[in-house]
C-alpha atoms as a PDB file:
ATOM      1  CA  MET A   1       0.234  -0.016   0.010  1.00  0.00           C
ATOM      2  CA  SER A   2       1.293   3.567  -0.420  1.00  0.00           C
ATOM      3  CA  ASP A   3       1.861   6.339   2.122  1.00  0.00           C
ATOM      4  CA  GLY A   4       0.194   8.706   0.230  1.00  0.00           C
ATOM      5  CA  THR A   5       3.570  10.212  -1.257  1.00  0.00           C
ATOM      6  CA  LEU A   6       4.429  10.518  -5.005  1.00  0.00           C
ATOM      7  CA  SER A   7       7.974   9.223  -6.071  1.00  0.00           C
ATOM      8  CA  GLN A   8      10.110  11.305  -7.979  1.00  0.00           C
ATOM      9  CA  ALA A   9       8.808   9.507 -11.446  1.00  0.00           C
ATOM     10  CA  GLU A  10       5.316  10.062 -10.518  1.00  0.00           C
ATOM     11  CA  LEU A  11       6.033  13.962  -9.817  1.00  0.00           C
ATOM     12  CA  ASP A  12       7.753  14.106 -13.416  1.00  0.00           C
ATOM     13  CA  ALA A  13       4.792  12.574 -14.889  1.00  0.00           C
ATOM     14  CA  LEU A  14       2.372  15.019 -13.190  1.00  0.00           C
ATOM     15  CA  LEU A  15       4.524  18.161 -14.216  1.00  0.00           C
ATOM     16  CA  ALA A  16       4.567  16.748 -17.771  1.00  0.00           C
ATOM     17  CA  GLY A  17       1.206  16.911 -17.918  1.00  0.00           C
ATOM     18  CA  THR A  18       0.346  13.170 -18.175  1.00  0.00           C
ATOM     19  CA  GLY A  19      -1.227  12.687 -14.656  1.00  0.00           C
ATOM     20  CA  GLU A  20      -0.326   9.050 -14.957  1.00  0.00           C
ATOM     21  CA  SER A  21       2.727   7.109 -13.676  1.00  0.00           C
ATOM     22  CA  PRO A  22       5.393   6.641 -16.007  1.00  0.00           C
ATOM     23  CA  VAL A  23       5.366   2.842 -15.704  1.00  0.00           C
ATOM     24  CA  ALA A  24       1.808   2.569 -17.057  1.00  0.00           C
ATOM     25  CA  VAL A  25       2.597   5.277 -19.872  1.00  0.00           C
ATOM     26  CA  ALA A  26       5.320   3.058 -21.274  1.00  0.00           C
ATOM     27  CA  GLY A  27       3.827  -0.398 -20.768  1.00  0.00           C
ATOM     28  CA  GLY A  28       0.566   0.918 -22.441  1.00  0.00           C
ATOM     29  CA  ASN A  29       2.944   2.499 -25.532  1.00  0.00           C
ATOM     30  CA  ASP A  30       4.599  -0.778 -25.940  1.00  0.00           C
ATOM     31  CA  HIS A  31       1.259  -2.790 -26.176  1.00  0.00           C
ATOM     32  CA  GLU A  32      -0.189  -0.216 -28.488  1.00  0.00           C
ATOM     33  CA  ARG A  33       3.221  -0.537 -30.646  1.00  0.00           C
ATOM     34  CA  GLN A  34       2.963  -4.267 -30.674  1.00  0.00           C
ATOM     35  CA  LEU A  35      -0.822  -4.158 -31.737  1.00  0.00           C
ATOM     36  CA  LEU A  36      -0.109  -1.816 -34.256  1.00  0.00           C
ATOM     37  CA  GLN A  37       3.020  -3.687 -35.758  1.00  0.00           C
ATOM     38  CA  ASN A  38       0.878  -6.898 -35.844  1.00  0.00           C
ATOM     39  CA  PHE A  39      -1.489  -5.279 -37.883  1.00  0.00           C
ATOM     40  CA  LEU A  40       0.812  -3.911 -40.534  1.00  0.00           C
ATOM     41  CA  VAL A  41       2.931  -7.119 -40.484  1.00  0.00           C
ATOM     42  CA  SER A  42      -0.548  -8.914 -41.202  1.00  0.00           C
ATOM     43  CA  SER A  43      -0.936  -6.661 -44.116  1.00  0.00           C
ATOM     44  CA  ALA A  44       2.138  -6.556 -45.601  1.00  0.00           C
ATOM     45  CA  ASP A  45       1.503  -9.362 -48.353  1.00  0.00           C
ATOM     46  CA  SER A  46      -1.667  -7.359 -49.643  1.00  0.00           C
ATOM     47  CA  LEU A  47       0.525  -4.362 -49.969  1.00  0.00           C
ATOM     48  CA  SER A  48       3.355  -6.534 -51.893  1.00  0.00           C
ATOM     49  CA  ALA A  49       0.604  -7.354 -54.238  1.00  0.00           C
ATOM     50  CA  ASN A  50      -0.786  -4.236 -55.155  1.00  0.00           C
ATOM     51  CA  PHE A  51       2.949  -2.652 -55.271  1.00  0.00           C
ATOM     52  CA  SER A  52       3.658  -5.849 -57.827  1.00  0.00           C
ATOM     53  CA  GLN A  53       0.597  -4.918 -60.086  1.00  0.00           C
ATOM     54  CA  LEU A  54       1.358  -1.231 -59.974  1.00  0.00           C
ATOM     55  CA  THR A  55       4.845  -1.653 -61.193  1.00  0.00           C
ATOM     56  CA  ALA A  56       4.375  -4.759 -63.204  1.00  0.00           C
ATOM     57  CA  THR A  57       7.496  -6.051 -61.164  1.00  0.00           C
ATOM     58  CA  GLU A  58       7.444  -8.978 -58.394  1.00  0.00           C
ATOM     59  CA  VAL A  59       8.254  -6.740 -55.514  1.00  0.00           C
ATOM     60  CA  SER A  60       9.149  -7.902 -52.086  1.00  0.00           C
ATOM     61  CA  LEU A  61       7.910  -5.643 -48.892  1.00  0.00           C
ATOM     62  CA  LYS A  62       8.950  -6.936 -45.538  1.00  0.00           C
ATOM     63  CA  GLY A  63       8.323  -5.646 -42.275  1.00  0.00           C
ATOM     64  CA  PRO A  64       7.523  -3.198 -40.990  1.00  0.00           C
ATOM     65  CA  GLU A  65       9.547  -2.335 -37.596  1.00  0.00           C
ATOM     66  CA  VAL A  66       7.248   0.279 -35.615  1.00  0.00           C
ATOM     67  CA  SER A  67       8.414   2.636 -33.220  1.00  0.00           C
ATOM     68  CA  PHE A  68       7.660   5.571 -31.026  1.00  0.00           C
ATOM     69  CA  THR A  69      10.272   8.245 -32.364  1.00  0.00           C
ATOM     70  CA  SER A  70      10.621  11.986 -32.405  1.00  0.00           C
ATOM     71  CA  GLN A  71      10.999  14.506 -35.103  1.00  0.00           C
ATOM     72  CA  ASP A  72      14.906  14.626 -34.455  1.00  0.00           C
ATOM     73  CA  ALA A  73      15.338  10.904 -34.156  1.00  0.00           C
ATOM     74  CA  LEU A  74      13.687  10.481 -37.322  1.00  0.00           C
ATOM     75  CA  LEU A  75      15.639  12.983 -39.185  1.00  0.00           C
ATOM     76  CA  GLU A  76      18.815  11.440 -38.541  1.00  0.00           C
ATOM     77  CA  GLN A  77      17.601   8.186 -40.528  1.00  0.00           C
ATOM     78  CA  LEU A  78      15.998  10.189 -43.630  1.00  0.00           C
ATOM     79  CA  PRO A  79      17.847  10.844 -46.697  1.00  0.00           C
ATOM     80  CA  ASP A  80      18.428  14.582 -47.472  1.00  0.00           C
ATOM     81  CA  MET A  81      15.626  14.833 -50.247  1.00  0.00           C
ATOM     82  CA  VAL A  82      12.653  12.784 -49.657  1.00  0.00           C
ATOM     83  CA  THR A  83       8.986  12.450 -50.941  1.00  0.00           C
ATOM     84  CA  VAL A  84       6.592  13.137 -48.642  1.00  0.00           C
ATOM     85  CA  VAL A  85       2.837  12.151 -49.358  1.00  0.00           C
ATOM     86  CA  LYS A  86       0.133  13.241 -46.799  1.00  0.00           C
ATOM     87  CA  ALA A  87      -2.452  11.074 -46.325  1.00  0.00           C
ATOM     88  CA  ASP A  88      -4.607  12.380 -43.155  1.00  0.00           C
ATOM     89  CA  PHE A  89      -7.195  10.403 -42.013  1.00  0.00           C
ATOM     90  CA  ASN A  90     -10.405  12.257 -41.604  1.00  0.00           C
ATOM     91  CA  ALA A  91     -12.921   9.959 -40.560  1.00  0.00           C
ATOM     92  CA  GLY A  92     -12.756   6.716 -38.106  1.00  0.00           C
ATOM     93  CA  PHE A  93      -9.268   7.409 -36.687  1.00  0.00           C
ATOM     94  CA  PRO A  94      -8.986  10.983 -37.651  1.00  0.00           C
ATOM     95  CA  GLY A  95      -5.454  12.789 -37.500  1.00  0.00           C
ATOM     96  CA  GLU A  96      -2.016  12.769 -39.199  1.00  0.00           C
ATOM     97  CA  HIS A  97      -0.749  10.132 -41.359  1.00  0.00           C
ATOM     98  CA  LEU A  98       1.909   9.929 -44.003  1.00  0.00           C
ATOM     99  CA  PHE A  99       4.452   8.361 -45.827  1.00  0.00           C
ATOM    100  CA  ILE A 100       7.965   9.468 -46.278  1.00  0.00           C
ATOM    101  CA  ILE A 101      10.097   7.880 -49.418  1.00  0.00           C
ATOM    102  CA  GLY A 102      13.500   8.903 -50.131  1.00  0.00           C
ATOM    103  CA  GLU A 103      13.817  10.561 -53.464  1.00  0.00           C
ATOM    104  CA  ASP A 104      15.816   7.967 -55.013  1.00  0.00           C
ATOM    105  CA  THR A 105      13.721   5.322 -53.825  1.00  0.00           C
ATOM    106  CA  ALA A 106      10.571   7.293 -55.230  1.00  0.00           C
ATOM    107  CA  LYS A 107      12.211   7.990 -58.660  1.00  0.00           C
ATOM    108  CA  ALA A 108      12.886   3.764 -58.737  1.00  0.00           C
ATOM    109  CA  ILE A 109       9.118   3.373 -57.784  1.00  0.00           C
ATOM    110  CA  ALA A 110       7.761   5.732 -60.496  1.00  0.00           C
ATOM    111  CA  ALA A 111      10.131   4.705 -63.246  1.00  0.00           C
ATOM    112  CA  ARG A 112       8.382   1.253 -62.971  1.00  0.00           C
ATOM    113  CA  MET A 113       5.144   2.324 -62.641  1.00  0.00           C
ATOM    114  CA  THR A 114       5.678   4.566 -66.028  1.00  0.00           C
ATOM    115  CA  GLN A 115       7.968   2.368 -67.566  1.00  0.00           C
ATOM    116  CA  GLU A 116      10.252   5.315 -68.420  1.00  0.00           C
ATOM    117  CA  GLU A 117      13.899   5.751 -67.539  1.00  0.00           C
ATOM    118  CA  ASP A 118      15.915   8.799 -65.952  1.00  0.00           C
ATOM    119  CA  ILE A 119      12.615   9.984 -64.325  1.00  0.00           C
ATOM    120  CA  GLN A 120      12.482  13.196 -62.588  1.00  0.00           C
ATOM    121  CA  MET A 121      10.313  13.986 -59.687  1.00  0.00           C
ATOM    122  CA  ASP A 122       7.939  16.238 -61.437  1.00  0.00           C
ATOM    123  CA  ALA A 123       4.024  16.713 -61.240  1.00  0.00           C
ATOM    124  CA  MET A 124       3.586  13.255 -63.354  1.00  0.00           C
ATOM    125  CA  ALA A 125       5.695  11.281 -61.250  1.00  0.00           C
ATOM    126  CA  LEU A 126       4.523  13.024 -58.165  1.00  0.00           C
ATOM    127  CA  SER A 127       0.869  12.035 -59.007  1.00  0.00           C
ATOM    128  CA  VAL A 128       2.219   8.458 -59.903  1.00  0.00           C
ATOM    129  CA  ILE A 129       3.511   8.106 -56.149  1.00  0.00           C
ATOM    130  CA  GLY A 130       0.289   9.663 -54.909  1.00  0.00           C
ATOM    131  CA  GLU A 131      -1.891   7.163 -57.136  1.00  0.00           C
ATOM    132  CA  LEU A 132       0.409   4.182 -55.495  1.00  0.00           C
ATOM    133  CA  VAL A 133      -0.414   5.611 -51.838  1.00  0.00           C
ATOM    134  CA  SER A 134      -3.909   5.846 -52.599  1.00  0.00           C
ATOM    135  CA  ASN A 135      -3.707   2.325 -53.439  1.00  0.00           C
ATOM    136  CA  LEU A 136      -1.761   1.206 -50.256  1.00  0.00           C
ATOM    137  CA  VAL A 137      -3.880   3.186 -47.925  1.00  0.00           C
ATOM    138  CA  GLY A 138      -7.108   1.841 -49.656  1.00  0.00           C
ATOM    139  CA  THR A 139      -5.721  -1.700 -48.752  1.00  0.00           C
ATOM    140  CA  GLN A 140      -5.128  -0.617 -45.340  1.00  0.00           C
ATOM    141  CA  ILE A 141      -8.668   1.166 -44.585  1.00  0.00           C
ATOM    142  CA  THR A 142     -10.284  -2.458 -45.824  1.00  0.00           C
ATOM    143  CA  ALA A 143      -8.252  -4.238 -43.640  1.00  0.00           C
ATOM    144  CA  LEU A 144      -8.720  -1.999 -40.465  1.00  0.00           C
ATOM    145  CA  THR A 145     -12.465  -2.059 -41.401  1.00  0.00           C
ATOM    146  CA  LYS A 146     -12.654  -5.827 -41.151  1.00  0.00           C
ATOM    147  CA  GLU A 147     -10.423  -5.961 -37.918  1.00  0.00           C
ATOM    148  CA  THR A 148     -11.709  -3.382 -35.935  1.00  0.00           C
ATOM    149  CA  GLY A 149     -15.614  -3.139 -37.466  1.00  0.00           C
ATOM    150  CA  ASN A 150     -15.395   0.624 -37.893  1.00  0.00           C
ATOM    151  CA  LYS A 151     -16.745   1.195 -41.186  1.00  0.00           C
ATOM    152  CA  SER A 152     -16.270   5.200 -41.106  1.00  0.00           C
ATOM    153  CA  ILE A 153     -12.646   5.079 -41.681  1.00  0.00           C
ATOM    154  CA  ALA A 154     -11.602   7.181 -44.413  1.00  0.00           C
ATOM    155  CA  SER A 155      -8.443   9.465 -45.510  1.00  0.00           C
ATOM    156  CA  VAL A 156      -7.859  12.568 -47.755  1.00  0.00           C
ATOM    157  CA  SER A 157      -6.805  12.588 -51.066  1.00  0.00           C
ATOM    158  CA  PRO A 158      -2.956  11.714 -50.933  1.00  0.00           C
ATOM    159  CA  GLU A 159      -0.809  14.468 -52.011  1.00  0.00           C
ATOM    160  CA  ALA A 160       3.103  14.045 -52.765  1.00  0.00           C
ATOM    161  CA  SER A 161       5.724  16.570 -52.708  1.00  0.00           C
ATOM    162  CA  THR A 162       9.611  16.467 -52.712  1.00  0.00           C
ATOM    163  CA  VAL A 163      11.269  18.447 -50.045  1.00  0.00           C
ATOM    164  CA  PRO A 164      14.340  18.885 -48.140  1.00  0.00           C
ATOM    165  CA  LYS A 165      13.774  16.698 -45.068  1.00  0.00           C
ATOM    166  CA  ALA A 166      14.519  19.503 -42.949  1.00  0.00           C
ATOM    167  CA  VAL A 167      11.224  20.773 -43.963  1.00  0.00           C
ATOM    168  CA  ALA A 168       9.100  17.702 -44.191  1.00  0.00           C
ATOM    169  CA  ALA A 169       5.832  18.232 -42.513  1.00  0.00           C
ATOM    170  CA  LEU A 170       6.107  15.814 -39.273  1.00  0.00           C
ATOM    171  CA  PRO A 171       3.857  15.448 -36.427  1.00  0.00           C
ATOM    172  CA  GLY A 172       4.874  17.243 -33.518  1.00  0.00           C
ATOM    173  CA  GLY A 173       5.914  15.591 -30.173  1.00  0.00           C
ATOM    174  CA  ASP A 174       6.531  11.585 -30.463  1.00  0.00           C
ATOM    175  CA  PHE A 175       4.990   9.549 -33.012  1.00  0.00           C
ATOM    176  CA  THR A 176       4.668   6.456 -34.633  1.00  0.00           C
ATOM    177  CA  ALA A 177       6.771   5.405 -37.305  1.00  0.00           C
ATOM    178  CA  ALA A 178       6.800   1.925 -39.222  1.00  0.00           C
ATOM    179  CA  LEU A 179       9.913   1.409 -41.170  1.00  0.00           C
ATOM    180  CA  TYR A 180       9.088  -0.842 -44.504  1.00  0.00           C
ATOM    181  CA  HIS A 181      11.874  -2.857 -46.370  1.00  0.00           C
ATOM    182  CA  LEU A 182      11.359  -2.712 -50.042  1.00  0.00           C
ATOM    183  CA  ASP A 183      13.087  -4.682 -53.024  1.00  0.00           C
ATOM    184  CA  LEU A 184      11.634  -3.995 -56.578  1.00  0.00           C
ATOM    185  CA  GLY A 185      12.996  -6.719 -58.049  1.00  0.00           C
ATOM    186  CA  ASP A 186      16.356  -5.575 -58.783  1.00  0.00           C
ATOM    187  CA  GLY A 187      17.993  -6.833 -55.824  1.00  0.00           C
ATOM    188  CA  ASN A 188      18.814  -3.306 -54.324  1.00  0.00           C
ATOM    189  CA  ALA A 189      17.608  -2.770 -50.684  1.00  0.00           C
ATOM    190  CA  GLN A 190      15.021   0.254 -50.605  1.00  0.00           C
ATOM    191  CA  GLN A 191      13.072   1.430 -47.597  1.00  0.00           C
ATOM    192  CA  PHE A 192      10.465   4.125 -46.610  1.00  0.00           C
ATOM    193  CA  TRP A 193       8.505   5.227 -43.445  1.00  0.00           C
ATOM    194  CA  GLU A 194       4.707   5.189 -42.530  1.00  0.00           C
ATOM    195  CA  ILE A 195       4.144   7.997 -40.054  1.00  0.00           C
ATOM    196  CA  TYR A 196       1.058   7.841 -37.551  1.00  0.00           C
ATOM    197  CA  GLY A 197       0.535  10.781 -35.513  1.00  0.00           C
ATOM    198  CA  SER A 198       0.303   9.866 -31.817  1.00  0.00           C
ATOM    199  CA  ARG A 199      -3.713  10.181 -31.477  1.00  0.00           C
ATOM    200  CA  VAL A 200      -4.120   8.282 -34.781  1.00  0.00           C
ATOM    201  CA  SER A 201      -1.938   4.879 -33.546  1.00  0.00           C
ATOM    202  CA  GLU A 202      -3.636   5.144 -30.112  1.00  0.00           C
ATOM    203  CA  SER A 203      -6.914   5.191 -31.542  1.00  0.00           C
ATOM    204  CA  ILE A 204      -6.252   2.426 -33.768  1.00  0.00           C
ATOM    205  CA  ALA A 205      -4.444   0.155 -31.064  1.00  0.00           C
ATOM    206  CA  ARG A 206      -7.492   0.785 -28.762  1.00  0.00           C
ATOM    207  CA  SER A 207      -9.569  -0.551 -31.434  1.00  0.00           C
ATOM    208  CA  LEU A 208      -7.260  -3.325 -32.409  1.00  0.00           C
ATOM    209  CA  ASP A 209      -7.129  -4.544 -28.509  1.00  0.00           C
ATOM    210  CA  LYS A 210     -10.928  -5.376 -28.655  1.00  0.00           C
ATOM    211  CA  VAL A 211     -10.572  -7.991 -31.087  1.00  0.00           C
ATOM    212  CA  PRO A 212      -7.891 -10.586 -31.680  1.00  0.00           C
ATOM    213  CA  VAL A 213      -4.861  -9.975 -34.002  1.00  0.00           C
ATOM    214  CA  ALA A 214      -2.664 -12.761 -35.409  1.00  0.00           C
ATOM    215  CA  GLY A 215       0.707 -12.912 -33.351  1.00  0.00           C
ATOM    216  CA  SER A 216      -0.276 -10.407 -30.704  1.00  0.00           C
ATOM    217  CA  SER A 217      -0.087 -10.713 -26.967  1.00  0.00           C
ATOM    218  CA  PRO A 218      -2.791 -10.417 -24.540  1.00  0.00           C
ATOM    219  CA  PRO A 219      -2.692  -6.997 -22.493  1.00  0.00           C
ATOM    220  CA  PRO A 220      -0.951  -7.154 -19.349  1.00  0.00           C
ATOM    221  CA  ARG A 221      -3.047  -8.118 -16.435  1.00  0.00           C
ATOM    222  CA  THR A 222      -3.268  -5.151 -13.921  1.00  0.00           C
ATOM    223  CA  SER A 223      -2.997  -5.926 -10.022  1.00  0.00           C
ATOM    224  CA  GLY A 224      -6.218  -4.040  -9.492  1.00  0.00           C
ATOM    225  CA  MET A 225      -4.018  -1.386  -7.637  1.00  0.00           C
ATOM    226  CA  SER A 226      -5.136   2.350  -8.584  1.00  0.00           C
ATOM    227  CA  ALA A 227      -1.933   4.283  -9.633  1.00  0.00           C
ATOM    228  CA  ARG A 228      -2.420   7.375  -7.812  1.00  0.00           C
ATOM    229  CA  GLY A 229      -4.460   6.558  -4.547  1.00  0.00           C
ATOM    230  CA  GLY A 230      -3.114   3.092  -3.891  1.00  0.00           C
ATOM    231  CA  GLY A 231      -6.873   1.598  -3.302  1.00  0.00           C
ATOM    232  CA  MET A 232      -7.727  -2.067  -4.560  1.00  0.00           C
ATOM    233  CA  SER A 233     -10.122  -1.929  -7.364  1.00  0.00           C
ATOM    234  CA  GLY A 234     -12.302  -4.770  -8.119  1.00  0.00           C
ATOM    235  CA  ILE A 235     -12.949  -5.877  -4.588  1.00  0.00           C
ATOM    236  CA  GLY A 236     -16.351  -5.899  -3.183  1.00  0.00           C
ATOM    237  CA  ASN A 237     -17.401  -5.408   0.426  1.00  0.00           C
ATOM    238  CA  SER A 238     -16.746  -8.983   1.263  1.00  0.00           C
ATOM    239  CA  GLY A 239     -13.460  -8.490   0.327  1.00  0.00           C
ATOM    240  CA  MET A 240     -13.036 -11.025  -2.501  1.00  0.00           C
ATOM    241  CA  ILE A 241     -11.778 -10.117  -5.889  1.00  0.00           C
ATOM    242  CA  GLY A 242     -14.535 -11.015  -8.640  1.00  0.00           C
ATOM    243  CA  GLN A 243     -14.730 -13.963 -10.768  1.00  0.00           C
ATOM    244  CA  PRO A 244     -12.468 -13.757 -13.882  1.00  0.00           C
ATOM    245  CA  ALA A 245     -14.301 -13.537 -17.198  1.00  0.00           C
ATOM    246  CA  GLN A 246     -14.868 -16.653 -19.221  1.00  0.00           C
ATOM    247  CA  VAL A 247     -11.797 -17.266 -21.503  1.00  0.00           C
ATOM    248  CA  GLN A 248     -12.544 -18.366 -25.116  1.00  0.00           C
ATOM    249  CA  SER A 249     -10.433 -19.934 -27.833  1.00  0.00           C
ATOM    250  CA  VAL A 250      -9.055 -17.479 -30.488  1.00  0.00           C
ATOM    251  CA  GLN A 251     -10.534 -17.559 -33.773  1.00  0.00           C
ATOM    252  CA  PHE A 252      -8.154 -16.267 -36.784  1.00  0.00           C
ATOM    253  CA  PRO A 253      -9.556 -15.500 -40.135  1.00  0.00           C
ATOM    254  CA  GLY A 254      -8.520 -17.516 -43.056  1.00  0.00           C
ATOM    255  CA  LEU A 255      -5.230 -16.500 -44.456  1.00  0.00           C
ATOM    256  CA  THR A 256      -6.911 -16.356 -48.144  1.00  0.00           C
ATOM    257  CA  PRO A 257      -7.680 -12.563 -49.059  1.00  0.00           C
ATOM    258  CA  HIS A 258     -11.300 -11.740 -50.204  1.00  0.00           C
ATOM    259  CA  PRO A 259     -10.877  -8.155 -51.064  1.00  0.00           C
ATOM    260  CA  THR A 260     -13.891  -7.953 -53.465  1.00  0.00           C
ATOM    261  CA  VAL A 261     -16.137  -8.667 -50.855  1.00  0.00           C
ATOM    262  CA  HIS A 262     -14.955  -5.633 -48.650  1.00  0.00           C
ATOM    263  CA  GLU A 263     -14.765  -3.416 -51.865  1.00  0.00           C
ATOM    264  CA  GLN A 264     -18.339  -4.231 -53.053  1.00  0.00           C
ATOM    265  CA  GLY A 265     -19.337  -3.611 -49.364  1.00  0.00           C
ATOM    266  CA  ASN A 266     -17.486   0.053 -49.327  1.00  0.00           C
ATOM    267  CA  ILE A 267     -18.516   1.113 -53.100  1.00  0.00           C
ATOM    268  CA  GLY A 268     -21.965  -0.124 -52.367  1.00  0.00           C
ATOM    269  CA  LEU A 269     -22.322   3.303 -50.311  1.00  0.00           C
ATOM    270  CA  ILE A 270     -22.115   5.498 -53.620  1.00  0.00           C
ATOM    271  CA  MET A 271     -23.638   3.295 -56.065  1.00  0.00           C
ATOM    272  CA  ASP A 272     -26.714   5.707 -56.508  1.00  0.00           C
ATOM    273  CA  VAL A 273     -24.570   8.765 -57.109  1.00  0.00           C
ATOM    274  CA  PHE A 274     -24.773  10.375 -60.654  1.00  0.00           C
ATOM    275  CA  MET A 275     -21.771  11.025 -62.772  1.00  0.00           C
ATOM    276  CA  GLU A 276     -21.530  12.815 -65.838  1.00  0.00           C
ATOM    277  CA  MET A 277     -20.671  10.432 -69.052  1.00  0.00           C
ATOM    278  CA  THR A 278     -19.168  12.162 -72.519  1.00  0.00           C
ATOM    279  CA  VAL A 279     -18.784  10.675 -75.732  1.00  0.00           C
ATOM    280  CA  GLU A 280     -15.879  12.790 -77.610  1.00  0.00           C
ATOM    281  CA  LEU A 281     -15.797  12.310 -81.170  1.00  0.00           C
ATOM    282  CA  GLY A 282     -12.467  14.883 -81.468  1.00  0.00           C
ATOM    283  CA  ARG A 283     -10.579  17.988 -80.703  1.00  0.00           C
ATOM    284  CA  THR A 284      -8.904  20.797 -82.459  1.00  0.00           C
ATOM    285  CA  LYS A 285      -7.645  24.280 -81.848  1.00  0.00           C
ATOM    286  CA  LYS A 286      -8.550  27.454 -83.598  1.00  0.00           C
ATOM    287  CA  LEU A 287      -7.828  30.862 -83.537  1.00  0.00           C
ATOM    288  CA  ILE A 288     -10.162  33.516 -82.141  1.00  0.00           C
ATOM    289  CA  LYS A 289     -10.466  35.051 -85.394  1.00  0.00           C
ATOM    290  CA  GLU A 290     -11.254  31.723 -87.124  1.00  0.00           C
ATOM    291  CA  ILE A 291     -14.022  31.005 -84.529  1.00  0.00           C
ATOM    292  CA  LEU A 292     -15.635  34.403 -85.138  1.00  0.00           C
ATOM    293  CA  GLY A 293     -15.418  33.869 -88.633  1.00  0.00           C
ATOM    294  CA  MET A 294     -17.654  30.413 -88.571  1.00  0.00           C
ATOM    295  CA  GLY A 295     -21.062  30.475 -89.937  1.00  0.00           C
ATOM    296  CA  GLU A 296     -23.801  27.919 -91.037  1.00  0.00           C
ATOM    297  CA  GLY A 297     -21.782  25.133 -93.453  1.00  0.00           C
ATOM    298  CA  THR A 298     -18.313  25.593 -91.987  1.00  0.00           C
ATOM    299  CA  ILE A 299     -16.711  22.465 -91.833  1.00  0.00           C
ATOM    300  CA  ILE A 300     -14.041  21.907 -88.819  1.00  0.00           C
ATOM    301  CA  GLU A 301     -11.442  19.144 -89.174  1.00  0.00           C
ATOM    302  CA  LEU A 302     -10.866  17.228 -85.822  1.00  0.00           C
ATOM    303  CA  ASP A 303      -8.181  15.201 -84.640  1.00  0.00           C
ATOM    304  CA  LYS A 304      -9.377  11.908 -85.128  1.00  0.00           C
ATOM    305  CA  LEU A 305      -8.947   9.676 -88.609  1.00  0.00           C
ATOM    306  CA  ALA A 306     -12.607   8.357 -90.222  1.00  0.00           C
ATOM    307  CA  GLY A 307     -13.059   4.956 -88.516  1.00  0.00           C
ATOM    308  CA  GLU A 308     -11.168   5.899 -84.965  1.00  0.00           C
ATOM    309  CA  PRO A 309     -12.514   4.786 -81.983  1.00  0.00           C
ATOM    310  CA  VAL A 310     -14.072   7.730 -79.830  1.00  0.00           C
ATOM    311  CA  ASP A 311     -13.343   8.520 -76.364  1.00  0.00           C
ATOM    312  CA  ILE A 312     -15.644   7.638 -73.507  1.00  0.00           C
ATOM    313  CA  LEU A 313     -14.976   9.962 -70.305  1.00  0.00           C
ATOM    314  CA  VAL A 314     -16.636  10.036 -66.996  1.00  0.00           C
ATOM    315  CA  ASN A 315     -16.359  13.640 -65.346  1.00  0.00           C
ATOM    316  CA  HIS A 316     -14.128  14.532 -68.036  1.00  0.00           C
ATOM    317  CA  LYS A 317     -11.467  11.612 -67.328  1.00  0.00           C
ATOM    318  CA  LEU A 318     -10.775   9.245 -69.849  1.00  0.00           C
ATOM    319  CA  ILE A 319     -11.905   5.569 -69.008  1.00  0.00           C
ATOM    320  CA  ALA A 320     -12.634   3.556 -72.258  1.00  0.00           C
ATOM    321  CA  LYS A 321     -12.926   3.675 -76.208  1.00  0.00           C
ATOM    322  CA  GLY A 322     -15.635   2.587 -78.360  1.00  0.00           C
ATOM    323  CA  GLU A 323     -17.215   3.042 -81.835  1.00  0.00           C
ATOM    324  CA  VAL A 324     -20.285   4.882 -82.844  1.00  0.00           C
ATOM    325  CA  VAL A 325     -23.613   3.293 -83.565  1.00  0.00           C
ATOM    326  CA  VAL A 326     -27.319   3.886 -84.291  1.00  0.00           C
ATOM    327  CA  ILE A 327     -29.830   2.364 -82.289  1.00  0.00           C
ATOM    328  CA  ASP A 328     -33.412   3.339 -83.197  1.00  0.00           C
ATOM    329  CA  GLU A 329     -32.473   6.648 -84.829  1.00  0.00           C
ATOM    330  CA  ASN A 330     -30.390   7.597 -81.985  1.00  0.00           C
ATOM    331  CA  PHE A 331     -26.652   7.785 -81.973  1.00  0.00           C
ATOM    332  CA  GLY A 332     -24.996   5.384 -79.421  1.00  0.00           C
ATOM    333  CA  VAL A 333     -21.858   3.894 -78.591  1.00  0.00           C
ATOM    334  CA  ARG A 334     -20.406   0.618 -78.270  1.00  0.00           C
ATOM    335  CA  VAL A 335     -17.458  -0.118 -75.873  1.00  0.00           C
ATOM    336  CA  THR A 336     -14.288  -1.699 -77.620  1.00  0.00           C
ATOM    337  CA  GLU A 337     -11.652  -1.032 -74.981  1.00  0.00           C
ATOM    338  CA  ILE A 338     -11.481  -0.210 -71.308  1.00  0.00           C
ATOM    339  CA  VAL A 339      -8.275   2.138 -70.499  1.00  0.00           C
ATOM    340  CA  SER A 340      -5.917   0.712 -68.208  1.00  0.00           C
ATOM    341  CA  PRO A 341      -5.049   2.460 -64.711  1.00  0.00           C
ATOM    342  CA  MET A 342      -1.347   3.164 -66.238  1.00  0.00           C
ATOM    343  CA  GLU A 343      -2.622   4.909 -69.147  1.00  0.00           C
ATOM    344  CA  ARG A 344      -5.154   6.822 -66.625  1.00  0.00           C
ATOM    345  CA  MET A 345      -2.324   8.063 -64.457  1.00  0.00           C
ATOM    346  CA  GLN A 346      -0.196   9.166 -67.537  1.00  0.00           C
ATOM    347  CA  ASP A 347      -3.021  11.324 -68.656  1.00  0.00           C
END
């Protein structure tokens, strides 16, 4: 039992504004770190598959190694120039979330995705990296939804920028960093970091702690001793400790991923949203004086050849090509080709 006095460690914790003993905070942090690492490791295979699909290369993704760190400690590990991709969560577990990729690694990834050599981190390359991160975050959100049952998880559209590491917008104070090791099929070891703000990682860990995660250890049993007052909790008037909760065996999900089911469940929320579809016959450019000189009977030459497929656009984005047909005196278009994700990114 405590004599009512506070130790130096407890005084330090109170002065820091935590109001808890340092031992409790450290134990909770380590358990939180382990929960988050177990979840991210279990998602690594899905992330590797997405990397491989988008880069058309057999990619190996290992890790991650999750740790609590600070700005100064992380900056020591980063190369001088980095590509930062902000992908903050805005629902479910709102807060700071970003990816940090060394400039050389970002160039190597963008080169694989665009099938170009000597690529520079221009607007197109940054867009490609943003598309990759969007895909990775989407996979993680699907897995988090499955593990935690939280169906409101969402993130902002990723924004990528290449900056000196000193001006990278890192979270303040201590935060969580997950270090991934990447092999793009050339045998060269690459790495990148996934950063969670402290509030985000804590919220995710608490949600994961309510469900079994493969490879995780159970939370530490408490003795019932209050951290501050020294009183016993969980003891009735008779002085007997309550009966322990019934222990059930852990049921782990199958290892075979079923992304289609989750994707259908998520996309079902927007199935009744209208989108503008346009069929474009062709384009051309004219001087203002030529446009002002147009009249009835003027012929405008387009950039399409006779018989060439027309473009099918959704919200002004090219998604397919087709051929013009006539149906009951109305024009229509028969889809002949679906544009690949790579072509959409290049456009």
